[in-house]
Amino acid sequence: MSGHSKWSTIKHKKGAKDARRGKLFAKLARAVEVAAREGGGDPSSNAALAQAIDKARGASVPNDNIERAIKRGTGEAEGAHYEEIWYEGYAPGGVALYVHVLTDNRNRATSAVRSVFTRGNGNLGEPGSVAYLFEQKGYLLVNGGEDEVMLAALDAGAEDVRASGDQWEVIGSPGDLKALRRAMEAAEIEVEMAEVTQLPLTGVPLQEGAARQVLQLVDALEDLDDVQAVYANFDISDDVLAALAG
């Protein structure tokens, strides 16, 4: 499993405080708004919007919040203009970080991201410094038997199915995410996570000390209001991740 996907899943299972939950709702609504602005307010003809809505609903964002975000995006309601920016850099141990930002103030976002990198003993890099280490994919984390998962995934056009402990990662093209999810649900396979993500092409193995530093930096970046997601190419064992999550 992508180390960062595993860490995100662990944090999700542990639950979040109300303040963090509110921040997550705001970020997911912002993604819905931007997708509606760029491709229109109809999810049946705007794949990016459909994915943003699915992700928001998966995190229990109220439907009213989603509808208001769509209206802001289409201009039916007043809203800020958000700019998409990707920041690239390195965490301790040579781990690459790829940071997705939606902001209405580029200077504020750049200053905040740079400050967190500096405090976390990381380095903010130039555009293109780490982007080539990641590939956009549709990603599902599911629970089920090997045969049923394999059959449903491959029939629906999955590119790869990987074991991850007692779960399975199903990977395909971003455009196939919805079809893959429907195939899993039709086969009565539980879908724990489904998203378009940036998967690392290679992993950097970390022991507990370095892992703690990297995860603290990742979490600090994710805590910034303008940051939508942080993708990382660390490779941390399940035992170490569990210990750090505890």
Protein backbone atom coordinates (compact mmCIF):
# COMPACT_ATOMS: atom_id res chain seq x y z
CA MET A 1 0.00 0.00 0.00
CA SER A 2 1.00 3.56 -0.53
CA GLY A 3 2.41 4.56 2.83
CA HIS A 4 0.47 7.77 2.88
CA SER A 5 -2.80 6.03 2.01
CA LYS A 6 -2.24 3.67 4.91
CA TRP A 7 -1.53 6.54 7.30
CA SER A 8 -4.65 8.38 6.13
CA THR A 9 -6.75 5.27 6.70
CA ILE A 10 -5.41 4.82 10.23
CA LYS A 11 -6.18 8.43 11.10
CA HIS A 12 -9.67 8.13 9.62
CA LYS A 13 -10.41 5.04 11.73
CA LYS A 14 -9.27 6.79 14.88
CA GLY A 15 -11.80 9.54 14.23
CA ALA A 16 -11.34 13.28 14.36
CA LYS A 17 -12.11 16.07 16.78
CA ASP A 18 -14.92 18.44 15.85
CA ALA A 19 -12.48 21.20 14.88
CA ARG A 20 -10.61 18.92 12.49
CA ARG A 21 -13.89 17.53 11.15
CA GLY A 22 -15.08 21.07 10.39
CA LYS A 23 -11.81 21.83 8.62
CA LEU A 24 -12.11 18.65 6.55
CA PHE A 25 -15.67 19.55 5.55
CA ALA A 26 -14.48 23.00 4.42
CA LYS A 27 -11.69 21.52 2.32
CA LEU A 28 -13.95 18.97 0.66
CA ALA A 29 -16.55 21.65 -0.08
CA ARG A 30 -13.82 23.81 -1.61
CA ALA A 31 -12.88 20.94 -3.93
CA VAL A 32 -16.53 20.57 -4.98
CA GLU A 33 -16.75 24.32 -5.65
CA VAL A 34 -13.62 24.38 -7.80
CA ALA A 35 -14.71 21.31 -9.79
CA ALA A 36 -18.11 22.92 -10.47
CA ARG A 37 -16.49 26.19 -11.54
CA GLU A 38 -14.14 24.42 -13.96
CA GLY A 39 -16.52 21.88 -15.47
CA GLY A 40 -20.09 22.90 -14.65
CA GLY A 41 -22.53 21.89 -11.95
CA ASP A 42 -23.80 18.61 -13.44
CA PRO A 43 -21.85 15.63 -12.02
CA SER A 44 -23.14 13.37 -14.81
CA SER A 45 -21.08 15.36 -17.33
CA ASN A 46 -18.31 16.55 -14.99
CA ALA A 47 -16.23 13.63 -13.75
CA ALA A 48 -14.11 15.80 -11.47
CA LEU A 49 -17.24 17.13 -9.77
CA ALA A 50 -18.68 13.63 -9.39
CA GLN A 51 -15.47 12.47 -7.72
CA ALA A 52 -15.38 15.51 -5.42
CA ILE A 53 -19.00 14.92 -4.41
CA ASP A 54 -18.36 11.22 -3.76
CA LYS A 55 -15.37 12.05 -1.59
CA ALA A 56 -17.34 14.65 0.35
CA ARG A 57 -20.24 12.27 0.92
CA GLY A 58 -17.80 9.56 1.97
CA ALA A 59 -16.62 11.88 4.72
CA SER A 60 -20.25 12.60 5.77
CA VAL A 61 -20.31 16.18 4.50
CA PRO A 62 -24.00 17.26 4.67
CA ASN A 63 -25.79 17.44 1.32
CA ASP A 64 -26.71 21.10 1.98
CA ASN A 65 -23.00 21.97 2.20
CA ILE A 66 -22.33 20.17 -1.07
CA GLU A 67 -25.21 21.89 -2.85
CA ARG A 68 -24.08 25.32 -1.64
CA ALA A 69 -20.54 24.59 -2.85
CA ILE A 70 -21.86 23.66 -6.31
CA LYS A 71 -23.87 26.88 -6.48
CA ARG A 72 -20.81 28.94 -5.53
CA GLY A 73 -18.86 27.18 -8.24
CA THR A 74 -21.46 27.79 -10.94
CA GLY A 75 -21.94 31.41 -9.90
CA GLU A 76 -25.45 30.96 -8.48
CA ALA A 77 -24.08 32.04 -5.10
CA GLU A 78 -21.19 34.29 -4.17
CA GLY A 79 -17.87 32.59 -3.52
CA ALA A 80 -14.11 33.13 -3.56
CA HIS A 81 -11.96 32.35 -6.57
CA TYR A 82 -9.63 29.49 -5.74
CA GLU A 83 -6.38 28.82 -7.55
CA GLU A 84 -4.88 25.33 -7.78
CA ILE A 85 -1.18 25.09 -6.90
CA TRP A 86 1.14 22.12 -6.48
CA TYR A 87 4.11 22.47 -4.14
CA GLU A 88 6.99 20.00 -4.24
CA GLY A 89 9.67 19.27 -1.69
CA TYR A 90 11.44 16.81 0.54
CA ALA A 91 10.91 15.65 4.10
CA PRO A 92 13.65 14.24 6.35
CA GLY A 93 15.11 10.99 5.04
CA GLY A 94 14.76 12.06 1.40
CA VAL A 95 11.00 11.43 1.28
CA ALA A 96 9.32 13.29 -1.59
CA LEU A 97 6.23 15.37 -0.75
CA TYR A 98 3.73 16.53 -3.37
CA VAL A 99 1.33 19.09 -1.89
CA HIS A 100 -2.02 19.96 -3.49
CA VAL A 101 -3.36 23.41 -2.62
CA LEU A 102 -6.56 25.29 -3.45
CA THR A 103 -6.23 28.89 -2.29
CA ASP A 104 -7.66 32.35 -2.78
CA ASN A 105 -4.34 33.88 -1.73
CA ARG A 106 -1.19 32.48 -3.35
CA ASN A 107 1.20 34.53 -1.20
CA ARG A 108 -0.44 33.32 2.01
CA ALA A 109 -0.38 29.71 0.87
CA THR A 110 3.24 29.82 -0.25
CA SER A 111 4.37 31.43 3.00
CA ALA A 112 2.48 28.91 5.13
CA VAL A 113 3.71 25.86 3.20
CA ARG A 114 7.31 27.11 3.22
CA SER A 115 7.15 27.77 6.96
CA VAL A 116 5.89 24.25 7.72
CA PHE A 117 8.59 22.67 5.55
CA THR A 118 11.26 24.71 7.37
CA ARG A 119 9.95 23.89 10.85
CA GLY A 120 9.72 20.23 9.93
CA ASN A 121 13.35 20.03 8.74
CA GLY A 122 12.21 19.65 5.16
CA ASN A 123 13.02 21.54 1.98
CA LEU A 124 10.58 23.18 -0.42
CA GLY A 125 11.75 22.40 -3.96
CA GLU A 126 11.30 23.81 -7.43
CA PRO A 127 8.39 22.87 -9.72
CA GLY A 128 9.13 19.49 -11.28
CA SER A 129 11.51 18.39 -8.52
CA VAL A 130 9.30 15.53 -7.30
CA ALA A 131 6.19 15.46 -9.51
CA TYR A 132 7.76 12.81 -11.76
CA LEU A 133 7.90 10.44 -8.78
CA PHE A 134 4.08 10.23 -8.63
CA GLU A 135 1.35 9.01 -10.95
CA GLN A 136 -2.34 9.90 -10.81
CA LYS A 137 -4.51 6.82 -10.30
CA GLY A 138 -7.92 5.72 -9.17
CA TYR A 139 -7.45 3.97 -5.83
CA LEU A 140 -9.76 1.79 -3.76
CA LEU A 141 -9.11 0.04 -0.46
CA VAL A 142 -11.55 -2.84 -0.02
CA ASN A 143 -12.39 -5.71 2.31
CA GLY A 144 -13.21 -9.09 0.82
CA GLY A 145 -11.96 -12.49 -0.25
CA GLU A 146 -9.12 -12.70 -2.74
CA ASP A 147 -11.05 -14.47 -5.49
CA GLU A 148 -14.10 -12.20 -5.36
CA VAL A 149 -12.02 -9.03 -5.24
CA MET A 150 -9.78 -10.14 -8.09
CA LEU A 151 -12.72 -11.17 -10.28
CA ALA A 152 -14.74 -8.00 -9.72
CA ALA A 153 -11.73 -5.70 -10.09
CA LEU A 154 -10.29 -7.21 -13.24
CA ASP A 155 -13.70 -7.50 -14.90
CA ALA A 156 -14.18 -3.78 -14.26
CA GLY A 157 -10.86 -2.86 -15.86
CA ALA A 158 -8.53 -2.57 -12.84
CA GLU A 159 -4.86 -2.27 -13.69
CA ASP A 160 -3.63 -3.93 -10.51
CA VAL A 161 -4.84 -5.58 -7.31
CA ARG A 162 -2.45 -5.70 -4.35
CA ALA A 163 -2.71 -7.35 -0.95
CA SER A 164 -2.35 -5.03 2.02
CA GLY A 165 -2.58 -7.01 5.22
CA ASP A 166 -6.11 -8.41 5.29
CA GLN A 167 -7.33 -5.80 2.80
CA TRP A 168 -6.92 -5.20 -0.92
CA GLU A 169 -5.82 -2.21 -2.96
CA VAL A 170 -7.54 -1.90 -6.33
CA ILE A 171 -5.79 0.45 -8.74
CA GLY A 172 -6.94 1.76 -12.10
CA SER A 173 -7.05 4.84 -14.26
CA PRO A 174 -8.67 7.93 -12.68
CA GLY A 175 -11.54 7.75 -15.17
CA ASP A 176 -12.35 4.18 -14.14
CA LEU A 177 -12.74 4.93 -10.42
CA LYS A 178 -16.55 5.11 -10.48
CA ALA A 179 -16.86 1.89 -12.50
CA LEU A 180 -14.47 0.09 -10.16
CA ARG A 181 -16.42 1.23 -7.11
CA ARG A 182 -19.71 0.14 -8.64
CA ALA A 183 -18.21 -3.25 -9.46
CA MET A 184 -17.06 -3.71 -5.87
CA GLU A 185 -20.43 -2.71 -4.46
CA ALA A 186 -22.29 -4.94 -6.94
CA ALA A 187 -20.18 -7.86 -5.72
CA GLU A 188 -21.02 -6.88 -2.10
CA ILE A 189 -17.39 -6.06 -1.37
CA GLU A 190 -16.95 -3.35 1.27
CA VAL A 191 -15.20 -0.24 -0.03
CA GLU A 192 -13.31 1.53 2.74
CA MET A 193 -11.67 4.19 0.56
CA ALA A 194 -12.15 5.30 -3.04
CA GLU A 195 -10.39 8.33 -4.46
CA VAL A 196 -8.32 9.74 -7.26
CA THR A 197 -4.86 10.05 -5.78
CA GLN A 198 -1.19 10.41 -6.58
CA LEU A 199 0.56 7.09 -6.08
CA PRO A 200 4.35 7.02 -5.69
CA LEU A 201 6.30 5.08 -8.30
CA THR A 202 8.95 4.12 -5.73
CA GLY A 203 9.07 4.08 -1.93
CA VAL A 204 11.64 5.34 0.58
CA PRO A 205 11.89 2.93 3.54
CA LEU A 206 11.90 4.58 6.97
CA GLN A 207 12.57 3.36 10.49
CA GLU A 208 10.59 4.66 13.45
CA GLY A 209 12.68 7.75 14.23
CA ALA A 210 12.65 9.14 10.71
CA ALA A 211 9.06 7.99 10.22
CA ARG A 212 7.94 10.07 13.20
CA GLN A 213 9.57 13.20 11.75
CA VAL A 214 8.07 12.66 8.31
CA LEU A 215 4.55 11.99 9.59
CA GLN A 216 4.68 15.08 11.80
CA LEU A 217 5.59 17.17 8.76
CA VAL A 218 2.86 15.58 6.63
CA ASP A 219 0.26 16.15 9.33
CA ALA A 220 1.36 19.78 9.81
CA LEU A 221 1.00 20.43 6.08
CA GLU A 222 -2.41 18.75 5.96
CA ASP A 223 -3.53 20.94 8.85
CA LEU A 224 -3.11 24.11 6.76
CA ASP A 225 -6.44 25.49 5.58
CA ASP A 226 -5.32 25.85 1.96
CA VAL A 227 -3.86 22.34 1.66
CA GLN A 228 -6.19 19.77 0.11
CA ALA A 229 -3.86 16.79 0.26
CA VAL A 230 -0.24 15.78 0.76
CA TYR A 231 1.18 12.84 -1.17
CA ALA A 232 4.36 11.16 0.00
CA ASN A 233 6.55 8.28 -1.13
CA PHE A 234 7.53 6.94 2.29
CA ASP A 235 7.48 3.20 2.97
CA ILE A 236 6.77 2.52 6.65
CA SER A 237 5.95 -0.91 8.05
CA ASP A 238 2.46 -1.53 9.41
CA ASP A 239 3.88 -2.16 12.88
CA VAL A 240 5.64 1.20 12.96
CA LEU A 241 2.58 3.02 11.58
CA ALA A 242 0.40 1.44 14.24
CA ALA A 243 2.87 2.37 16.97
CA LEU A 244 3.03 5.99 15.81
CA ALA A 245 -0.75 6.21 15.47
CA GLY A 246 -1.08 5.00 19.05
